[in-house]
Amino acid sequence: MYLNNKQIIQLLAPFLLGIVLLFFQDNIVNFMYSQLPKPKSIKDKNFYNDVNEYLKIQRDMYTYNAVTKKIKERQKSSQWITANVLYQKQLAQSKNESALKKQKQFWHLEAVFPKHNMAIMNSQFVHKGSFIDNAKIIQIKFDSVLLKTKKGLKWVHLFH
């Protein structure tokens, strides 16, 4: 494969140009500096004040955006926390309600005072004829209490 003169020049041109620039770089820079217009220095105080004002506004906008982002994140997290706390409260309330329903089905006799027709059931003082958890006290004996419930009569015994 042979190269013609044009192809050889195209192949060597970047190298030759690099060598020329390496040796004459100071002369080229001075020439370009003398040919291009010199930049004017800005002596206007209003310009510097405007630039400083712009930079201040830019910093304030950055701060505002950062604070707004944090507020949105906090709102999202507080909504999540609130939702979970409310859910936990609702869950606890439903558990408490179901536990109360279960407790209402059972009566615990803690003490009996047969001479006075009184007893302590479910941590409440009751007497003959009173109601406790939708059950009427019918009779109080020395070791038990007879209740009338929707399901019928039920004896609740002490130490049982």
C-alpha atoms as a PDB file:
ATOM      1  CA  MET A   1       0.000   0.000   0.000  1.00  0.00           C
ATOM      2  CA  TYR A   2       1.467   3.298  -1.114  1.00  0.00           C
ATOM      3  CA  LEU A   3       0.509   6.780  -0.015  1.00  0.00           C
ATOM      4  CA  ASN A   4       0.520   9.715  -2.371  1.00  0.00           C
ATOM      5  CA  ASN A   5       1.948  13.138  -1.421  1.00  0.00           C
ATOM      6  CA  LYS A   6      -1.386  14.600  -0.362  1.00  0.00           C
ATOM      7  CA  GLN A   7      -2.056  11.739   2.047  1.00  0.00           C
ATOM      8  CA  ILE A   8       1.429  11.994   3.546  1.00  0.00           C
ATOM      9  CA  ILE A   9       0.958  15.741   4.156  1.00  0.00           C
ATOM     10  CA  GLN A  10      -2.443  15.087   5.790  1.00  0.00           C
ATOM     11  CA  LEU A  11      -0.882  12.460   8.012  1.00  0.00           C
ATOM     12  CA  LEU A  12       2.079  14.602   9.097  1.00  0.00           C
ATOM     13  CA  ALA A  13       0.296  17.984   9.313  1.00  0.00           C
ATOM     14  CA  PRO A  14      -0.859  17.665  12.971  1.00  0.00           C
ATOM     15  CA  PHE A  15       2.637  16.711  14.077  1.00  0.00           C
ATOM     16  CA  LEU A  16       4.261  19.564  12.157  1.00  0.00           C
ATOM     17  CA  LEU A  17       1.695  22.048  13.490  1.00  0.00           C
ATOM     18  CA  GLY A  18       2.322  20.827  17.065  1.00  0.00           C
ATOM     19  CA  ILE A  19       6.082  21.304  16.664  1.00  0.00           C
ATOM     20  CA  VAL A  20       5.622  24.828  15.240  1.00  0.00           C
ATOM     21  CA  LEU A  21       3.284  25.783  18.116  1.00  0.00           C
ATOM     22  CA  LEU A  22       5.696  24.361  20.676  1.00  0.00           C
ATOM     23  CA  PHE A  23       8.608  26.488  19.469  1.00  0.00           C
ATOM     24  CA  PHE A  24       6.684  29.665  18.710  1.00  0.00           C
ATOM     25  CA  GLN A  25       3.990  29.664  21.403  1.00  0.00           C
ATOM     26  CA  ASP A  26       5.197  32.854  23.139  1.00  0.00           C
ATOM     27  CA  ASN A  27       5.328  34.749  19.837  1.00  0.00           C
ATOM     28  CA  ILE A  28       1.861  33.510  18.858  1.00  0.00           C
ATOM     29  CA  VAL A  29       0.334  34.499  22.210  1.00  0.00           C
ATOM     30  CA  ASN A  30       1.876  37.993  22.057  1.00  0.00           C
ATOM     31  CA  PHE A  31       0.650  38.467  18.505  1.00  0.00           C
ATOM     32  CA  MET A  32      -2.881  37.346  19.365  1.00  0.00           C
ATOM     33  CA  TYR A  33      -2.918  39.599  22.441  1.00  0.00           C
ATOM     34  CA  SER A  34      -1.908  42.600  20.322  1.00  0.00           C
ATOM     35  CA  GLN A  35      -4.572  41.876  17.679  1.00  0.00           C
ATOM     36  CA  LEU A  36      -7.583  41.207  19.964  1.00  0.00           C
ATOM     37  CA  PRO A  37      -9.337  44.062  21.776  1.00  0.00           C
ATOM     38  CA  LYS A  38      -8.344  44.503  25.382  1.00  0.00           C
ATOM     39  CA  PRO A  39     -11.093  43.898  27.943  1.00  0.00           C
ATOM     40  CA  LYS A  40     -12.323  47.013  29.685  1.00  0.00           C
ATOM     41  CA  SER A  41     -12.217  47.079  33.415  1.00  0.00           C
ATOM     42  CA  ILE A  42     -15.526  47.774  35.063  1.00  0.00           C
ATOM     43  CA  LYS A  43     -15.371  50.737  37.379  1.00  0.00           C
ATOM     44  CA  ASP A  44     -19.089  51.139  37.899  1.00  0.00           C
ATOM     45  CA  LYS A  45     -19.974  50.656  41.580  1.00  0.00           C
ATOM     46  CA  ASN A  46     -23.584  50.001  40.674  1.00  0.00           C
ATOM     47  CA  PHE A  47     -22.512  46.998  38.659  1.00  0.00           C
ATOM     48  CA  TYR A  48     -20.724  45.461  41.646  1.00  0.00           C
ATOM     49  CA  ASN A  49     -23.681  46.251  43.866  1.00  0.00           C
ATOM     50  CA  ASP A  50     -26.017  44.599  41.364  1.00  0.00           C
ATOM     51  CA  VAL A  51     -23.788  41.530  41.164  1.00  0.00           C
ATOM     52  CA  ASN A  52     -23.631  41.283  44.963  1.00  0.00           C
ATOM     53  CA  GLU A  53     -27.406  41.701  45.182  1.00  0.00           C
ATOM     54  CA  TYR A  54     -27.886  38.983  42.584  1.00  0.00           C
ATOM     55  CA  LEU A  55     -25.552  36.630  44.452  1.00  0.00           C
ATOM     56  CA  LYS A  56     -27.387  37.354  47.717  1.00  0.00           C
ATOM     57  CA  ILE A  57     -30.740  36.615  46.068  1.00  0.00           C
ATOM     58  CA  GLN A  58     -29.314  33.417  44.614  1.00  0.00           C
ATOM     59  CA  ARG A  59     -28.089  32.291  48.084  1.00  0.00           C
ATOM     60  CA  ASP A  60     -31.455  33.162  49.602  1.00  0.00           C
ATOM     61  CA  MET A  61     -33.265  31.165  46.918  1.00  0.00           C
ATOM     62  CA  TYR A  62     -30.999  28.199  47.549  1.00  0.00           C
ATOM     63  CA  THR A  63     -31.694  28.435  51.305  1.00  0.00           C
ATOM     64  CA  TYR A  64     -35.428  28.828  50.672  1.00  0.00           C
ATOM     65  CA  ASN A  65     -35.499  25.773  48.397  1.00  0.00           C
ATOM     66  CA  ALA A  66     -33.561  23.707  50.927  1.00  0.00           C
ATOM     67  CA  VAL A  67     -35.896  24.733  53.762  1.00  0.00           C
ATOM     68  CA  THR A  68     -38.976  24.068  51.619  1.00  0.00           C
ATOM     69  CA  LYS A  69     -37.649  20.619  50.769  1.00  0.00           C
ATOM     70  CA  LYS A  70     -37.050  19.850  54.462  1.00  0.00           C
ATOM     71  CA  ILE A  71     -40.550  21.083  55.353  1.00  0.00           C
ATOM     72  CA  LYS A  72     -42.096  18.812  52.737  1.00  0.00           C
ATOM     73  CA  GLU A  73     -40.052  15.865  54.008  1.00  0.00           C
ATOM     74  CA  ARG A  74     -41.140  16.596  57.587  1.00  0.00           C
ATOM     75  CA  GLN A  75     -44.767  16.885  56.524  1.00  0.00           C
ATOM     76  CA  LYS A  76     -44.567  13.548  54.761  1.00  0.00           C
ATOM     77  CA  SER A  77     -42.909  11.906  57.749  1.00  0.00           C
ATOM     78  CA  SER A  78     -45.353  13.520  60.189  1.00  0.00           C
ATOM     79  CA  GLN A  79     -48.269  12.328  58.046  1.00  0.00           C
ATOM     80  CA  TRP A  80     -46.786   8.840  58.045  1.00  0.00           C
ATOM     81  CA  ILE A  81     -46.177   8.962  61.794  1.00  0.00           C
ATOM     82  CA  THR A  82     -49.641  10.369  62.444  1.00  0.00           C
ATOM     83  CA  ALA A  83     -51.261   7.730  60.277  1.00  0.00           C
ATOM     84  CA  ASN A  84     -49.335   4.949  61.999  1.00  0.00           C
ATOM     85  CA  VAL A  85     -49.975   6.330  65.487  1.00  0.00           C
ATOM     86  CA  LEU A  86     -53.673   6.693  64.740  1.00  0.00           C
ATOM     87  CA  TYR A  87     -53.693   3.204  63.282  1.00  0.00           C
ATOM     88  CA  GLN A  88     -51.956   1.877  66.398  1.00  0.00           C
ATOM     89  CA  LYS A  89     -54.467   3.715  68.606  1.00  0.00           C
ATOM     90  CA  GLN A  90     -57.368   2.328  66.607  1.00  0.00           C
ATOM     91  CA  LEU A  91     -55.824  -1.111  66.794  1.00  0.00           C
ATOM     92  CA  ALA A  92     -55.323  -0.772  70.551  1.00  0.00           C
ATOM     93  CA  GLN A  93     -58.875   0.534  70.994  1.00  0.00           C
ATOM     94  CA  SER A  94     -60.313  -2.353  69.005  1.00  0.00           C
ATOM     95  CA  LYS A  95     -58.225  -4.783  71.061  1.00  0.00           C
ATOM     96  CA  ASN A  96     -59.392  -3.083  74.263  1.00  0.00           C
ATOM     97  CA  GLU A  97     -63.009  -3.179  73.100  1.00  0.00           C
ATOM     98  CA  SER A  98     -62.770  -6.854  72.246  1.00  0.00           C
ATOM     99  CA  ALA A  99     -61.044  -7.498  75.566  1.00  0.00           C
ATOM    100  CA  LEU A 100     -63.793  -5.566  77.357  1.00  0.00           C
ATOM    101  CA  LYS A 101     -66.439  -7.566  75.539  1.00  0.00           C
ATOM    102  CA  LYS A 102     -64.723 -10.738  76.635  1.00  0.00           C
ATOM    103  CA  GLN A 103     -64.420  -9.403  80.181  1.00  0.00           C
ATOM    104  CA  LYS A 104     -68.091  -8.488  80.258  1.00  0.00           C
ATOM    105  CA  GLN A 105     -68.933 -12.106  79.655  1.00  0.00           C
ATOM    106  CA  PHE A 106     -67.084 -13.085  82.829  1.00  0.00           C
ATOM    107  CA  TRP A 107     -67.767 -11.944  86.377  1.00  0.00           C
ATOM    108  CA  HIS A 108     -65.131 -12.099  89.037  1.00  0.00           C
ATOM    109  CA  LEU A 109     -66.339 -12.301  92.617  1.00  0.00           C
ATOM    110  CA  GLU A 110     -63.749 -10.772  94.904  1.00  0.00           C
ATOM    111  CA  ALA A 111     -65.524 -10.502  98.280  1.00  0.00           C
ATOM    112  CA  VAL A 112     -68.921 -11.323  99.827  1.00  0.00           C
ATOM    113  CA  PHE A 113     -70.722  -9.613 102.698  1.00  0.00           C
ATOM    114  CA  PRO A 114     -73.870 -11.781 103.130  1.00  0.00           C
ATOM    115  CA  LYS A 115     -75.101  -9.987 106.283  1.00  0.00           C
ATOM    116  CA  HIS A 116     -75.355  -6.715 104.346  1.00  0.00           C
ATOM    117  CA  ASN A 117     -76.422  -8.346 101.025  1.00  0.00           C
ATOM    118  CA  MET A 118     -73.340  -6.806  99.374  1.00  0.00           C
ATOM    119  CA  ALA A 119     -70.398  -8.110  97.389  1.00  0.00           C
ATOM    120  CA  ILE A 120     -67.418  -6.885  95.387  1.00  0.00           C
ATOM    121  CA  MET A 121     -67.563  -8.040  91.771  1.00  0.00           C
ATOM    122  CA  ASN A 122     -65.237  -6.860  88.999  1.00  0.00           C
ATOM    123  CA  SER A 123     -63.791  -4.282  91.438  1.00  0.00           C
ATOM    124  CA  GLN A 124     -67.242  -2.749  92.097  1.00  0.00           C
ATOM    125  CA  PHE A 125     -69.471  -2.806  95.166  1.00  0.00           C
ATOM    126  CA  VAL A 126     -72.806  -4.432  94.312  1.00  0.00           C
ATOM    127  CA  HIS A 127     -75.903  -5.253  96.355  1.00  0.00           C
ATOM    128  CA  LYS A 128     -79.003  -7.344  95.870  1.00  0.00           C
ATOM    129  CA  GLY A 129     -81.074  -5.830  93.050  1.00  0.00           C
ATOM    130  CA  SER A 130     -78.246  -3.832  91.441  1.00  0.00           C
ATOM    131  CA  PHE A 131     -76.843  -4.367  87.956  1.00  0.00           C
ATOM    132  CA  ILE A 132     -73.314  -5.152  86.867  1.00  0.00           C
ATOM    133  CA  ASP A 133     -72.446  -5.508  83.165  1.00  0.00           C
ATOM    134  CA  ASN A 134     -76.100  -5.970  82.143  1.00  0.00           C
ATOM    135  CA  ALA A 135     -76.661  -8.654  84.776  1.00  0.00           C
ATOM    136  CA  LYS A 136     -78.972  -8.230  87.798  1.00  0.00           C
ATOM    137  CA  ILE A 137     -77.884  -9.407  91.259  1.00  0.00           C
ATOM    138  CA  ILE A 138     -80.612 -11.796  92.445  1.00  0.00           C
ATOM    139  CA  GLN A 139     -79.116 -13.399  95.545  1.00  0.00           C
ATOM    140  CA  ILE A 140     -75.937 -13.097  97.619  1.00  0.00           C
ATOM    141  CA  LYS A 141     -74.741 -16.111  99.639  1.00  0.00           C
ATOM    142  CA  PHE A 142     -71.639 -16.529 101.828  1.00  0.00           C
ATOM    143  CA  ASP A 143     -69.512 -17.865  98.937  1.00  0.00           C
ATOM    144  CA  SER A 144     -71.423 -17.008  95.740  1.00  0.00           C
ATOM    145  CA  VAL A 145     -73.686 -14.568  93.942  1.00  0.00           C
ATOM    146  CA  LEU A 146     -76.631 -15.418  91.682  1.00  0.00           C
ATOM    147  CA  LEU A 147     -76.897 -13.278  88.530  1.00  0.00           C
ATOM    148  CA  LYS A 148     -79.743 -12.997  86.037  1.00  0.00           C
ATOM    149  CA  THR A 149     -78.306 -12.501  82.529  1.00  0.00           C
ATOM    150  CA  LYS A 150     -79.769 -12.532  79.037  1.00  0.00           C
ATOM    151  CA  LYS A 151     -78.722 -16.159  78.795  1.00  0.00           C
ATOM    152  CA  GLY A 152     -80.356 -17.094  82.075  1.00  0.00           C
ATOM    153  CA  LEU A 153     -79.303 -17.515  85.690  1.00  0.00           C
ATOM    154  CA  LYS A 154     -75.618 -17.847  86.546  1.00  0.00           C
ATOM    155  CA  TRP A 155     -73.868 -18.536  89.841  1.00  0.00           C
ATOM    156  CA  VAL A 156     -70.553 -16.762  90.356  1.00  0.00           C
ATOM    157  CA  HIS A 157     -68.479 -18.397  93.089  1.00  0.00           C
ATOM    158  CA  LEU A 158     -65.827 -16.918  95.331  1.00  0.00           C
ATOM    159  CA  PHE A 159     -62.322 -18.408  94.761  1.00  0.00           C
ATOM    160  CA  HIS A 160     -63.327 -19.857  91.436  1.00  0.00           C
END
